[in-house]
C-alpha cells in the first residue's frame, strides 16, 4: 500500500515537486509515465500506464495534495 504524504502549498514546496513526490510514493513507474497539470482547481492527469491498478494508485496519490481539487484522470491503460 502506498505511503500517504501530507503536502502544503507554500513557498517551500512547488506544486510540480509535490505532484512528483506524491506519484513517486505510489510507484516510480507511475511517476515516469504520468503527466499532470493544475487548471482551475483541477489536477488533470494524462499519460499511459500498464494497468488499471496503476491508474487508480496515481489518482489516489494525488487526492491527498488538496482535498478541494478535482482529479481528472485521463490516463490510458495500454499493454506492455
Protein backbone atom coordinates (compact mmCIF):
# COMPACT_ATOMS: atom_id res chain seq x y z
CA UNK A 1 0.00 0.00 0.00
CA UNK A 2 1.42 3.45 -0.89
CA UNK A 3 2.61 5.81 1.81
CA UNK A 4 0.34 8.78 2.46
CA UNK A 5 2.15 12.12 2.49
CA UNK A 6 0.82 15.47 3.67
CA UNK A 7 1.52 18.43 1.40
CA UNK A 8 1.21 22.16 1.96
CA UNK A 9 1.10 24.81 -0.72
CA UNK A 10 3.69 27.34 0.41
CA UNK A 11 6.87 28.99 -0.78
CA UNK A 12 8.97 25.94 0.07
CA UNK A 13 7.01 23.41 -1.96
CA UNK A 14 6.33 23.92 -5.65
CA UNK A 15 3.22 22.23 -7.00
CA UNK A 16 5.29 20.30 -9.53
CA UNK A 17 7.54 18.97 -6.77
CA UNK A 18 4.56 17.96 -4.63
CA UNK A 19 2.87 16.13 -7.54
CA UNK A 20 6.09 14.30 -8.44
CA UNK A 21 6.66 13.27 -4.81
CA UNK A 22 3.07 12.04 -4.48
CA UNK A 23 3.33 9.98 -7.67
CA UNK A 24 6.72 8.55 -6.66
CA UNK A 25 5.20 7.44 -3.35
CA UNK A 26 2.70 5.40 -5.39
CA UNK A 27 5.23 3.95 -7.86
CA UNK A 28 8.37 5.07 -9.66
CA UNK A 29 6.93 3.79 -12.95
CA UNK A 30 3.81 5.88 -12.46
CA UNK A 31 5.89 8.98 -11.75
CA UNK A 32 7.77 8.48 -15.03
CA UNK A 33 4.70 7.85 -17.18
CA UNK A 34 2.16 10.30 -15.71
CA UNK A 35 1.81 13.94 -16.69
CA UNK A 36 -0.18 16.35 -14.54
CA UNK A 37 -1.31 19.94 -14.80
CA UNK A 38 -3.34 22.15 -12.49
CA UNK A 39 -6.10 24.13 -14.19
CA UNK A 40 -8.87 25.93 -12.29
CA UNK A 41 -8.55 23.83 -9.13
CA UNK A 42 -8.44 20.60 -11.12
CA UNK A 43 -5.49 18.26 -11.44
CA UNK A 44 -5.62 16.77 -14.94
CA UNK A 45 -3.67 13.51 -15.30
CA UNK A 46 -2.59 12.20 -18.69
CA UNK A 47 -0.17 9.54 -19.85
CA UNK A 48 -0.09 5.81 -20.41
CA UNK A 49 0.11 3.11 -17.74
CA UNK A 50 0.13 -0.67 -17.97
CA UNK A 51 -2.75 -1.44 -15.58
CA UNK A 52 -5.96 -0.06 -14.12
CA UNK A 53 -4.42 -0.64 -10.70
CA UNK A 54 -1.62 1.85 -11.52
CA UNK A 55 -4.19 4.32 -12.82
CA UNK A 56 -6.08 4.13 -9.52
CA UNK A 57 -2.87 4.39 -7.46
CA UNK A 58 -1.90 7.57 -9.31
CA UNK A 59 -5.31 9.13 -8.74
CA UNK A 60 -5.35 8.29 -5.03
CA UNK A 61 -1.79 9.58 -4.55
CA UNK A 62 -2.83 12.99 -5.89
CA UNK A 63 -6.10 13.13 -3.98
CA UNK A 64 -4.13 13.91 -0.79
CA UNK A 65 -2.50 17.04 -2.21
CA UNK A 66 -5.50 19.29 -1.75
CA UNK A 67 -8.96 17.91 -0.87
CA UNK A 68 -10.84 20.68 -2.70
CA UNK A 69 -9.20 19.99 -6.06
CA UNK A 70 -10.94 17.72 -8.54
CA UNK A 71 -8.86 14.91 -10.04
CA UNK A 72 -9.48 14.46 -13.78
CA UNK A 73 -7.93 11.08 -14.62
CA UNK A 74 -7.44 10.84 -18.39
CA UNK A 75 -4.65 8.27 -18.19
CA UNK A 76 -4.78 5.46 -20.72
CA UNK A 77 -4.19 1.82 -19.89
CA UNK A 78 -2.11 0.12 -22.58
CA UNK A 79 -0.31 -3.20 -22.91
CA UNK A 80 3.37 -3.56 -22.10
